[in-house]
Amino acid sequence: MKVRGRVVHEPIEGGFWGIVDEDGERYQPIDDLPPNVRHDGLAVEADVEPVGLVSLMMWGKTVRVRSIRPI
């Protein structure tokens, strides 16, 4: 599914990168985001696939990022 939103850095459990979409829905990638989009507040468009895992952070929906690009 396509997600448009902003990259956020959360300091929980040593820190991780996530995506918050335009409606406030949170997505937690199960793999690291590419270095070129690891900028807090960066507007992005991503193609993500829900994976349905439970994360220790319990921050948002866990997803696999298929592609992501700044917009």
C-alpha atoms as a PDB file:
ATOM      1  CA  MET A   1       0.000   0.000   0.000  1.00  0.00           C
ATOM      2  CA  LYS A   2       1.097   3.573  -0.603  1.00  0.00           C
ATOM      3  CA  VAL A   3       1.824   5.829   2.360  1.00  0.00           C
ATOM      4  CA  ARG A   4       2.496   9.577   2.221  1.00  0.00           C
ATOM      5  CA  GLY A   5       3.801  11.169   5.365  1.00  0.00           C
ATOM      6  CA  ARG A   6       6.877  12.205   7.326  1.00  0.00           C
ATOM      7  CA  VAL A   7       9.864  10.316   8.656  1.00  0.00           C
ATOM      8  CA  VAL A   8      10.251  10.570  12.423  1.00  0.00           C
ATOM      9  CA  HIS A   9      13.037   9.516  14.764  1.00  0.00           C
ATOM     10  CA  GLU A  10      11.813   8.111  18.065  1.00  0.00           C
ATOM     11  CA  PRO A  11      14.267   7.807  20.983  1.00  0.00           C
ATOM     12  CA  ILE A  12      12.502   4.722  22.426  1.00  0.00           C
ATOM     13  CA  GLU A  13      14.730   1.677  23.163  1.00  0.00           C
ATOM     14  CA  GLY A  14      17.869   3.217  21.703  1.00  0.00           C
ATOM     15  CA  GLY A  15      16.026   4.972  18.880  1.00  0.00           C
ATOM     16  CA  PHE A  16      14.393   3.959  15.624  1.00  0.00           C
ATOM     17  CA  TRP A  17      12.983   5.528  12.462  1.00  0.00           C
ATOM     18  CA  GLY A  18       9.296   5.454  11.658  1.00  0.00           C
ATOM     19  CA  ILE A  19       6.774   6.992   9.286  1.00  0.00           C
ATOM     20  CA  VAL A  20       3.689   8.994  10.313  1.00  0.00           C
ATOM     21  CA  ASP A  21       1.170   9.379   7.507  1.00  0.00           C
ATOM     22  CA  GLU A  22      -0.983  12.406   6.721  1.00  0.00           C
ATOM     23  CA  ASP A  23      -3.769  11.067   8.984  1.00  0.00           C
ATOM     24  CA  GLY A  24      -1.456  10.458  11.948  1.00  0.00           C
ATOM     25  CA  GLU A  25      -1.209   6.679  11.464  1.00  0.00           C
ATOM     26  CA  ARG A  26       2.198   5.359  12.557  1.00  0.00           C
ATOM     27  CA  TYR A  27       4.225   2.756  10.661  1.00  0.00           C
ATOM     28  CA  GLN A  28       7.269   1.057  12.139  1.00  0.00           C
ATOM     29  CA  PRO A  29       9.574  -0.457   9.489  1.00  0.00           C
ATOM     30  CA  ILE A  30      10.969  -3.861  10.475  1.00  0.00           C
ATOM     31  CA  ASP A  31      14.207  -3.042   8.640  1.00  0.00           C
ATOM     32  CA  ASP A  32      16.275   0.156   8.764  1.00  0.00           C
ATOM     33  CA  LEU A  33      15.244   2.960   6.457  1.00  0.00           C
ATOM     34  CA  PRO A  34      17.799   3.845   3.762  1.00  0.00           C
ATOM     35  CA  PRO A  35      20.285   6.544   4.861  1.00  0.00           C
ATOM     36  CA  ASN A  36      19.002   9.051   2.282  1.00  0.00           C
ATOM     37  CA  VAL A  37      15.602   9.296   4.058  1.00  0.00           C
ATOM     38  CA  ARG A  38      16.760   9.182   7.689  1.00  0.00           C
ATOM     39  CA  HIS A  39      15.950  12.837   8.340  1.00  0.00           C
ATOM     40  CA  ASP A  40      13.422  13.727  11.026  1.00  0.00           C
ATOM     41  CA  GLY A  41      10.474  15.513   9.412  1.00  0.00           C
ATOM     42  CA  LEU A  42      11.337  14.547   5.810  1.00  0.00           C
ATOM     43  CA  ALA A  43       8.230  14.215   3.616  1.00  0.00           C
ATOM     44  CA  VAL A  44       8.173  10.823   1.892  1.00  0.00           C
ATOM     45  CA  GLU A  45       6.087   8.506  -0.204  1.00  0.00           C
ATOM     46  CA  ALA A  46       6.537   4.825   0.566  1.00  0.00           C
ATOM     47  CA  ASP A  47       5.228   1.510  -0.686  1.00  0.00           C
ATOM     48  CA  VAL A  48       4.801  -0.650   2.416  1.00  0.00           C
ATOM     49  CA  GLU A  49       3.556  -4.141   3.192  1.00  0.00           C
ATOM     50  CA  PRO A  50       1.985  -4.868   6.607  1.00  0.00           C
ATOM     51  CA  VAL A  51       3.736  -7.780   8.318  1.00  0.00           C
ATOM     52  CA  GLY A  52       1.607  -8.164  11.446  1.00  0.00           C
ATOM     53  CA  LEU A  53       4.488  -8.582  13.883  1.00  0.00           C
ATOM     54  CA  VAL A  54       4.359  -7.363  17.460  1.00  0.00           C
ATOM     55  CA  SER A  55       7.221  -4.998  18.231  1.00  0.00           C
ATOM     56  CA  LEU A  56       8.816  -4.348  21.604  1.00  0.00           C
ATOM     57  CA  MET A  57       8.328  -0.633  20.928  1.00  0.00           C
ATOM     58  CA  MET A  58       4.543  -1.015  20.387  1.00  0.00           C
ATOM     59  CA  TRP A  59       4.719   2.241  18.449  1.00  0.00           C
ATOM     60  CA  GLY A  60       2.756   1.617  15.246  1.00  0.00           C
ATOM     61  CA  LYS A  61       1.884  -0.914  12.579  1.00  0.00           C
ATOM     62  CA  THR A  62       4.888  -3.037  11.634  1.00  0.00           C
ATOM     63  CA  VAL A  63       5.630  -2.889   7.920  1.00  0.00           C
ATOM     64  CA  ARG A  64       8.207  -3.931   5.353  1.00  0.00           C
ATOM     65  CA  VAL A  65       9.200  -0.949   3.236  1.00  0.00           C
ATOM     66  CA  ARG A  66       9.293  -2.004  -0.432  1.00  0.00           C
ATOM     67  CA  SER A  67      10.343   1.443  -1.658  1.00  0.00           C
ATOM     68  CA  ILE A  68      10.584   4.936  -0.229  1.00  0.00           C
ATOM     69  CA  ARG A  69      11.442   8.314  -1.711  1.00  0.00           C
ATOM     70  CA  PRO A  70      11.498  11.939  -0.586  1.00  0.00           C
ATOM     71  CA  ILE A  71       8.736  14.156  -1.986  1.00  0.00           C
END
